[in-house]
Amino acid sequence: NVIKYLYTCQAEWSWDGNIEKVLSRILSRGDME
């Protein structure tokens, strides 16, 4: 899921490098930690 979402949102995180902001939409708080 992470691999797919990183590619899906490539244009977004490529702009500022904020990967956590993008992945926090598909991962629970516990998984993000």
ModelCIF file with pLDDT and N, C-alpha, C, O atoms, coordinates in Angstrom:
data_MODEL
#
_entry.id   MODEL 
#
_entity.id                         1 
_entity.type                       polymer 
_entity.pdbx_number_of_molecules   1 
#
_entity_poly.entity_id                      1 
_entity_poly.type                           'polypeptide(L)' 
_entity_poly.nstd_linkage                   no 
_entity_poly.nstd_monomer                   no 
_entity_poly.pdbx_seq_one_letter_code       NVIKYLYTCQAEWSWDGNIEKVLSRILSRGDME 
_entity_poly.pdbx_seq_one_letter_code_can   NVIKYLYTCQAEWSWDGNIEKVLSRILSRGDME 
_entity_poly.pdbx_strand_id                 A 
#
loop_
_entity_poly_seq.entity_id 
_entity_poly_seq.num 
_entity_poly_seq.mon_id 
_entity_poly_seq.hetero 
1 1  ASN n 
1 2  VAL n 
1 3  ILE n 
1 4  LYS n 
1 5  TYR n 
1 6  LEU n 
1 7  TYR n 
1 8  THR n 
1 9  CYS n 
1 10 GLN n 
1 11 ALA n 
1 12 GLU n 
1 13 TRP n 
1 14 SER n 
1 15 TRP n 
1 16 ASP n 
1 17 GLY n 
1 18 ASN n 
1 19 ILE n 
1 20 GLU n 
1 21 LYS n 
1 22 VAL n 
1 23 LEU n 
1 24 SER n 
1 25 ARG n 
1 26 ILE n 
1 27 LEU n 
1 28 SER n 
1 29 ARG n 
1 30 GLY n 
1 31 ASP n 
1 32 MET n 
1 33 GLU n 
#
_struct_asym.id          A 
_struct_asym.entity_id   1 
#
loop_
_ma_qa_metric.id 
_ma_qa_metric.mode 
_ma_qa_metric.name 
_ma_qa_metric.software_group_id 
_ma_qa_metric.type 
1 global pLDDT . pLDDT 
2 local  pLDDT . pLDDT 
#
_ma_qa_metric_global.metric_id      1 
_ma_qa_metric_global.metric_value   96.58 
_ma_qa_metric_global.model_id       1 
_ma_qa_metric_global.ordinal_id     1 
#
loop_
_ma_qa_metric_local.label_asym_id 
_ma_qa_metric_local.label_comp_id 
_ma_qa_metric_local.label_seq_id 
_ma_qa_metric_local.metric_id 
_ma_qa_metric_local.metric_value 
_ma_qa_metric_local.model_id 
_ma_qa_metric_local.ordinal_id 
A ASN 1  2 97.00 1 1  
A VAL 2  2 98.00 1 2  
A ILE 3  2 98.00 1 3  
A LYS 4  2 97.00 1 4  
A TYR 5  2 98.00 1 5  
A LEU 6  2 98.00 1 6  
A TYR 7  2 98.00 1 7  
A THR 8  2 98.00 1 8  
A CYS 9  2 97.00 1 9  
A GLN 10 2 97.00 1 10 
A ALA 11 2 96.00 1 11 
A GLU 12 2 96.00 1 12 
A TRP 13 2 97.00 1 13 
A SER 14 2 95.00 1 14 
A TRP 15 2 90.00 1 15 
A ASP 16 2 90.00 1 16 
A GLY 17 2 92.00 1 17 
A ASN 18 2 95.00 1 18 
A ILE 19 2 97.00 1 19 
A GLU 20 2 97.00 1 20 
A LYS 21 2 96.00 1 21 
A VAL 22 2 97.00 1 22 
A LEU 23 2 98.00 1 23 
A SER 24 2 97.00 1 24 
A ARG 25 2 97.00 1 25 
A ILE 26 2 97.00 1 26 
A LEU 27 2 98.00 1 27 
A SER 28 2 97.00 1 28 
A ARG 29 2 97.00 1 29 
A GLY 30 2 98.00 1 30 
A ASP 31 2 98.00 1 31 
A MET 32 2 98.00 1 32 
A GLU 33 2 98.00 1 33 
#
loop_
_atom_site.group_PDB 
_atom_site.id 
_atom_site.type_symbol 
_atom_site.label_atom_id 
_atom_site.label_alt_id 
_atom_site.label_comp_id 
_atom_site.label_asym_id 
_atom_site.label_entity_id 
_atom_site.label_seq_id 
_atom_site.pdbx_PDB_ins_code 
_atom_site.Cartn_x 
_atom_site.Cartn_y 
_atom_site.Cartn_z 
_atom_site.occupancy 
_atom_site.B_iso_or_equiv 
_atom_site.pdbx_formal_charge 
_atom_site.auth_seq_id 
_atom_site.auth_comp_id 
_atom_site.auth_asym_id 
_atom_site.auth_atom_id 
_atom_site.pdbx_PDB_model_num 
ATOM 1   N N  . ASN A 1 1  ? 0.823  -1.208 0.000  1.00 97.00 ? 1  ASN A N  1 
ATOM 2   C CA . ASN A 1 1  ? 0.000  0.000  0.000  1.00 97.00 ? 1  ASN A CA 1 
ATOM 3   C C  . ASN A 1 1  ? 0.857  1.258  0.000  1.00 97.00 ? 1  ASN A C  1 
ATOM 4   O O  . ASN A 1 1  ? 0.547  2.233  -0.685 1.00 97.00 ? 1  ASN A O  1 
ATOM 5   N N  . VAL A 1 2  ? 1.934  1.226  0.773  1.00 98.00 ? 2  VAL A N  1 
ATOM 6   C CA . VAL A 1 2  ? 2.831  2.384  0.837  1.00 98.00 ? 2  VAL A CA 1 
ATOM 7   C C  . VAL A 1 2  ? 3.495  2.628  -0.508 1.00 98.00 ? 2  VAL A C  1 
ATOM 8   O O  . VAL A 1 2  ? 3.550  3.764  -0.978 1.00 98.00 ? 2  VAL A O  1 
ATOM 9   N N  . ILE A 1 3  ? 3.999  1.569  -1.130 1.00 98.00 ? 3  ILE A N  1 
ATOM 10  C CA . ILE A 1 3  ? 4.626  1.721  -2.440 1.00 98.00 ? 3  ILE A CA 1 
ATOM 11  C C  . ILE A 1 3  ? 3.650  2.341  -3.432 1.00 98.00 ? 3  ILE A C  1 
ATOM 12  O O  . ILE A 1 3  ? 3.978  3.302  -4.127 1.00 98.00 ? 3  ILE A O  1 
ATOM 13  N N  . LYS A 1 4  ? 2.454  1.780  -3.486 1.00 97.00 ? 4  LYS A N  1 
ATOM 14  C CA . LYS A 1 4  ? 1.453  2.273  -4.430 1.00 97.00 ? 4  LYS A CA 1 
ATOM 15  C C  . LYS A 1 4  ? 1.087  3.727  -4.151 1.00 97.00 ? 4  LYS A C  1 
ATOM 16  O O  . LYS A 1 4  ? 0.944  4.521  -5.081 1.00 97.00 ? 4  LYS A O  1 
ATOM 17  N N  . TYR A 1 5  ? 0.935  4.077  -2.880 1.00 98.00 ? 5  TYR A N  1 
ATOM 18  C CA . TYR A 1 5  ? 0.519  5.441  -2.546 1.00 98.00 ? 5  TYR A CA 1 
ATOM 19  C C  . TYR A 1 5  ? 1.637  6.450  -2.792 1.00 98.00 ? 5  TYR A C  1 
ATOM 20  O O  . TYR A 1 5  ? 1.375  7.588  -3.181 1.00 98.00 ? 5  TYR A O  1 
ATOM 21  N N  . LEU A 1 6  ? 2.867  6.037  -2.567 1.00 98.00 ? 6  LEU A N  1 
ATOM 22  C CA . LEU A 1 6  ? 3.986  6.935  -2.872 1.00 98.00 ? 6  LEU A CA 1 
ATOM 23  C C  . LEU A 1 6  ? 4.020  7.279  -4.355 1.00 98.00 ? 6  LEU A C  1 
ATOM 24  O O  . LEU A 1 6  ? 4.268  8.425  -4.729 1.00 98.00 ? 6  LEU A O  1 
ATOM 25  N N  . TYR A 1 7  ? 3.771  6.282  -5.192 1.00 98.00 ? 7  TYR A N  1 
ATOM 26  C CA . TYR A 1 7  ? 3.711  6.568  -6.632 1.00 98.00 ? 7  TYR A CA 1 
ATOM 27  C C  . TYR A 1 7  ? 2.470  7.389  -6.971 1.00 98.00 ? 7  TYR A C  1 
ATOM 28  O O  . TYR A 1 7  ? 2.542  8.320  -7.774 1.00 98.00 ? 7  TYR A O  1 
ATOM 29  N N  . THR A 1 8  ? 1.353  7.056  -6.376 1.00 98.00 ? 8  THR A N  1 
ATOM 30  C CA . THR A 1 8  ? 0.118  7.778  -6.672 1.00 98.00 ? 8  THR A CA 1 
ATOM 31  C C  . THR A 1 8  ? 0.242  9.263  -6.344 1.00 98.00 ? 8  THR A C  1 
ATOM 32  O O  . THR A 1 8  ? -0.232 10.113 -7.097 1.00 98.00 ? 8  THR A O  1 
ATOM 33  N N  . CYS A 1 9  ? 0.878  9.569  -5.221 1.00 97.00 ? 9  CYS A N  1 
ATOM 34  C CA . CYS A 1 9  ? 0.988  10.962 -4.750 1.00 97.00 ? 9  CYS A CA 1 
ATOM 35  C C  . CYS A 1 9  ? 2.352  11.567 -5.065 1.00 97.00 ? 9  CYS A C  1 
ATOM 36  O O  . CYS A 1 9  ? 2.787  12.509 -4.402 1.00 97.00 ? 9  CYS A O  1 
ATOM 37  N N  . GLN A 1 10 ? 3.015  11.034 -6.062 1.00 97.00 ? 10 GLN A N  1 
ATOM 38  C CA . GLN A 1 10 ? 4.374  11.477 -6.386 1.00 97.00 ? 10 GLN A CA 1 
ATOM 39  C C  . GLN A 1 10 ? 4.480  12.986 -6.546 1.00 97.00 ? 10 GLN A C  1 
ATOM 40  O O  . GLN A 1 10 ? 5.405  13.597 -6.010 1.00 97.00 ? 10 GLN A O  1 
ATOM 41  N N  . ALA A 1 11 ? 3.556  13.596 -7.271 1.00 96.00 ? 11 ALA A N  1 
ATOM 42  C CA . ALA A 1 11 ? 3.640  15.037 -7.530 1.00 96.00 ? 11 ALA A CA 1 
ATOM 43  C C  . ALA A 1 11 ? 3.543  15.848 -6.250 1.00 96.00 ? 11 ALA A C  1 
ATOM 44  O O  . ALA A 1 11 ? 4.135  16.922 -6.141 1.00 96.00 ? 11 ALA A O  1 
ATOM 45  N N  . GLU A 1 12 ? 2.792  15.333 -5.278 1.00 96.00 ? 12 GLU A N  1 
ATOM 46  C CA . GLU A 1 12 ? 2.596  16.072 -4.030 1.00 96.00 ? 12 GLU A CA 1 
ATOM 47  C C  . GLU A 1 12 ? 3.849  16.081 -3.165 1.00 96.00 ? 12 GLU A C  1 
ATOM 48  O O  . GLU A 1 12 ? 4.347  17.149 -2.806 1.00 96.00 ? 12 GLU A O  1 
ATOM 49  N N  . TRP A 1 13 ? 4.366  14.895 -2.824 1.00 97.00 ? 13 TRP A N  1 
ATOM 50  C CA . TRP A 1 13 ? 5.514  14.879 -1.926 1.00 97.00 ? 13 TRP A CA 1 
ATOM 51  C C  . TRP A 1 13 ? 6.819  15.271 -2.612 1.00 97.00 ? 13 TRP A C  1 
ATOM 52  O O  . TRP A 1 13 ? 7.776  15.664 -1.946 1.00 97.00 ? 13 TRP A O  1 
ATOM 53  N N  . SER A 1 14 ? 6.863  15.166 -3.942 1.00 95.00 ? 14 SER A N  1 
ATOM 54  C CA . SER A 1 14 ? 8.060  15.609 -4.659 1.00 95.00 ? 14 SER A CA 1 
ATOM 55  C C  . SER A 1 14 ? 8.264  17.116 -4.508 1.00 95.00 ? 14 SER A C  1 
ATOM 56  O O  . SER A 1 14 ? 9.378  17.627 -4.621 1.00 95.00 ? 14 SER A O  1 
ATOM 57  N N  . TRP A 1 15 ? 7.159  17.809 -4.251 1.00 90.00 ? 15 TRP A N  1 
ATOM 58  C CA . TRP A 1 15 ? 7.223  19.270 -4.137 1.00 90.00 ? 15 TRP A CA 1 
ATOM 59  C C  . TRP A 1 15 ? 7.967  19.721 -2.887 1.00 90.00 ? 15 TRP A C  1 
ATOM 60  O O  . TRP A 1 15 ? 8.757  20.664 -2.934 1.00 90.00 ? 15 TRP A O  1 
ATOM 61  N N  . ASP A 1 16 ? 7.713  19.041 -1.761 1.00 90.00 ? 16 ASP A N  1 
ATOM 62  C CA . ASP A 1 16 ? 8.319  19.501 -0.501 1.00 90.00 ? 16 ASP A CA 1 
ATOM 63  C C  . ASP A 1 16 ? 9.031  18.408 0.286  1.00 90.00 ? 16 ASP A C  1 
ATOM 64  O O  . ASP A 1 16 ? 9.604  18.680 1.341  1.00 90.00 ? 16 ASP A O  1 
ATOM 65  N N  . GLY A 1 17 ? 9.001  17.173 -0.216 1.00 92.00 ? 17 GLY A N  1 
ATOM 66  C CA . GLY A 1 17 ? 9.681  16.079 0.472  1.00 92.00 ? 17 GLY A CA 1 
ATOM 67  C C  . GLY A 1 17 ? 8.989  15.612 1.743  1.00 92.00 ? 17 GLY A C  1 
ATOM 68  O O  . GLY A 1 17 ? 9.563  14.842 2.513  1.00 92.00 ? 17 GLY A O  1 
ATOM 69  N N  . ASN A 1 18 ? 7.762  16.070 1.971  1.00 95.00 ? 18 ASN A N  1 
ATOM 70  C CA . ASN A 1 18 ? 7.044  15.712 3.199  1.00 95.00 ? 18 ASN A CA 1 
ATOM 71  C C  . ASN A 1 18 ? 6.318  14.380 3.006  1.00 95.00 ? 18 ASN A C  1 
ATOM 72  O O  . ASN A 1 18 ? 5.125  14.344 2.708  1.00 95.00 ? 18 ASN A O  1 
ATOM 73  N N  . ILE A 1 19 ? 7.052  13.308 3.180  1.00 97.00 ? 19 ILE A N  1 
ATOM 74  C CA . ILE A 1 19 ? 6.499  11.971 2.988  1.00 97.00 ? 19 ILE A CA 1 
ATOM 75  C C  . ILE A 1 19 ? 5.517  11.624 4.102  1.00 97.00 ? 19 ILE A C  1 
ATOM 76  O O  . ILE A 1 19 ? 4.486  10.995 3.859  1.00 97.00 ? 19 ILE A O  1 
ATOM 77  N N  . GLU A 1 20 ? 5.843  12.036 5.321  1.00 97.00 ? 20 GLU A N  1 
ATOM 78  C CA . GLU A 1 20 ? 4.985  11.696 6.456  1.00 97.00 ? 20 GLU A CA 1 
ATOM 79  C C  . GLU A 1 20 ? 3.570  12.237 6.273  1.00 97.00 ? 20 GLU A C  1 
ATOM 80  O O  . GLU A 1 20 ? 2.597  11.549 6.580  1.00 97.00 ? 20 GLU A O  1 
ATOM 81  N N  . LYS A 1 21 ? 3.454  13.451 5.780  1.00 96.00 ? 21 LYS A N  1 
ATOM 82  C CA . LYS A 1 21 ? 2.129  14.049 5.589  1.00 96.00 ? 21 LYS A CA 1 
ATOM 83  C C  . LYS A 1 21 ? 1.297  13.210 4.630  1.00 96.00 ? 21 LYS A C  1 
ATOM 84  O O  . LYS A 1 21 ? 0.096  13.036 4.834  1.00 96.00 ? 21 LYS A O  1 
ATOM 85  N N  . VAL A 1 22 ? 1.932  12.692 3.585  1.00 97.00 ? 22 VAL A N  1 
ATOM 86  C CA . VAL A 1 22 ? 1.217  11.896 2.597  1.00 97.00 ? 22 VAL A CA 1 
ATOM 87  C C  . VAL A 1 22 ? 0.825  10.537 3.172  1.00 97.00 ? 22 VAL A C  1 
ATOM 88  O O  . VAL A 1 22 ? -0.327 10.120 3.051  1.00 97.00 ? 22 VAL A O  1 
ATOM 89  N N  . LEU A 1 23 ? 1.773  9.850  3.793  1.00 98.00 ? 23 LEU A N  1 
ATOM 90  C CA . LEU A 1 23 ? 1.506  8.496  4.283  1.00 98.00 ? 23 LEU A CA 1 
ATOM 91  C C  . LEU A 1 23 ? 0.556  8.481  5.477  1.00 98.00 ? 23 LEU A C  1 
ATOM 92  O O  . LEU A 1 23 ? -0.107 7.475  5.728  1.00 98.00 ? 23 LEU A O  1 
ATOM 93  N N  . SER A 1 24 ? 0.487  9.592  6.214  1.00 97.00 ? 24 SER A N  1 
ATOM 94  C CA . SER A 1 24 ? -0.417 9.637  7.364  1.00 97.00 ? 24 SER A CA 1 
ATOM 95  C C  . SER A 1 24 ? -1.877 9.522  6.943  1.00 97.00 ? 24 SER A C  1 
ATOM 96  O O  . SER A 1 24 ? -2.744 9.277  7.782  1.00 97.00 ? 24 SER A O  1 
ATOM 97  N N  . ARG A 1 25 ? -2.157 9.696  5.658  1.00 97.00 ? 25 ARG A N  1 
ATOM 98  C CA . ARG A 1 25 ? -3.525 9.561  5.171  1.00 97.00 ? 25 ARG A CA 1 
ATOM 99  C C  . ARG A 1 25 ? -3.932 8.102  5.001  1.00 97.00 ? 25 ARG A C  1 
ATOM 100 O O  . ARG A 1 25 ? -5.126 7.802  4.984  1.00 97.00 ? 25 ARG A O  1 
ATOM 101 N N  . ILE A 1 26 ? -2.978 7.192  4.876  1.00 97.00 ? 26 ILE A N  1 
ATOM 102 C CA . ILE A 1 26 ? -3.326 5.785  4.689  1.00 97.00 ? 26 ILE A CA 1 
ATOM 103 C C  . ILE A 1 26 ? -2.855 4.905  5.844  1.00 97.00 ? 26 ILE A C  1 
ATOM 104 O O  . ILE A 1 26 ? -3.236 3.737  5.921  1.00 97.00 ? 26 ILE A O  1 
ATOM 105 N N  . LEU A 1 27 ? -2.036 5.445  6.739  1.00 98.00 ? 27 LEU A N  1 
ATOM 106 C CA . LEU A 1 27 ? -1.561 4.683  7.897  1.00 98.00 ? 27 LEU A CA 1 
ATOM 107 C C  . LEU A 1 27 ? -2.197 5.228  9.161  1.00 98.00 ? 27 LEU A C  1 
ATOM 108 O O  . LEU A 1 27 ? -2.389 6.435  9.309  1.00 98.00 ? 27 LEU A O  1 
ATOM 109 N N  . SER A 1 28 ? -2.515 4.331  10.061 1.00 97.00 ? 28 SER A N  1 
ATOM 110 C CA . SER A 1 28 ? -3.021 4.766  11.356 1.00 97.00 ? 28 SER A CA 1 
ATOM 111 C C  . SER A 1 28 ? -1.910 5.470  12.130 1.00 97.00 ? 28 SER A C  1 
ATOM 112 O O  . SER A 1 28 ? -0.734 5.376  11.778 1.00 97.00 ? 28 SER A O  1 
ATOM 113 N N  . ARG A 1 29 ? -2.300 6.171  13.180 1.00 97.00 ? 29 ARG A N  1 
ATOM 114 C CA . ARG A 1 29 ? -1.286 6.865  13.981 1.00 97.00 ? 29 ARG A CA 1 
ATOM 115 C C  . ARG A 1 29 ? -0.287 5.875  14.556 1.00 97.00 ? 29 ARG A C  1 
ATOM 116 O O  . ARG A 1 29 ? 0.913  6.147  14.600 1.00 97.00 ? 29 ARG A O  1 
ATOM 117 N N  . GLY A 1 30 ? -0.788 4.724  14.999 1.00 98.00 ? 30 GLY A N  1 
ATOM 118 C CA . GLY A 1 30 ? 0.107  3.717  15.556 1.00 98.00 ? 30 GLY A CA 1 
ATOM 119 C C  . GLY A 1 30 ? 1.076  3.170  14.523 1.00 98.00 ? 30 GLY A C  1 
ATOM 120 O O  . GLY A 1 30 ? 2.262  2.999  14.805 1.00 98.00 ? 30 GLY A O  1 
ATOM 121 N N  . ASP A 1 31 ? 0.575  2.894  13.328 1.00 98.00 ? 31 ASP A N  1 
ATOM 122 C CA . ASP A 1 31 ? 1.446  2.386  12.269 1.00 98.00 ? 31 ASP A CA 1 
ATOM 123 C C  . ASP A 1 31 ? 2.461  3.442  11.846 1.00 98.00 ? 31 ASP A C  1 
ATOM 124 O O  . ASP A 1 31 ? 3.614  3.122  11.558 1.00 98.00 ? 31 ASP A O  1 
ATOM 125 N N  . MET A 1 32 ? 2.027  4.703  11.811 1.00 98.00 ? 32 MET A N  1 
ATOM 126 C CA . MET A 1 32 ? 2.960  5.770  11.443 1.00 98.00 ? 32 MET A CA 1 
ATOM 127 C C  . MET A 1 32 ? 4.087  5.878  12.460 1.00 98.00 ? 32 MET A C  1 
ATOM 128 O O  . MET A 1 32 ? 5.237  6.127  12.098 1.00 98.00 ? 32 MET A O  1 
ATOM 129 N N  . GLU A 1 33 ? 3.756  5.690  13.728 1.00 98.00 ? 33 GLU A N  1 
ATOM 130 C CA . GLU A 1 33 ? 4.786  5.739  14.770 1.00 98.00 ? 33 GLU A CA 1 
ATOM 131 C C  . GLU A 1 33 ? 5.770  4.575  14.618 1.00 98.00 ? 33 GLU A C  1 
ATOM 132 O O  . GLU A 1 33 ? 6.707  4.451  15.407 1.00 98.00 ? 33 GLU A O  1 
#
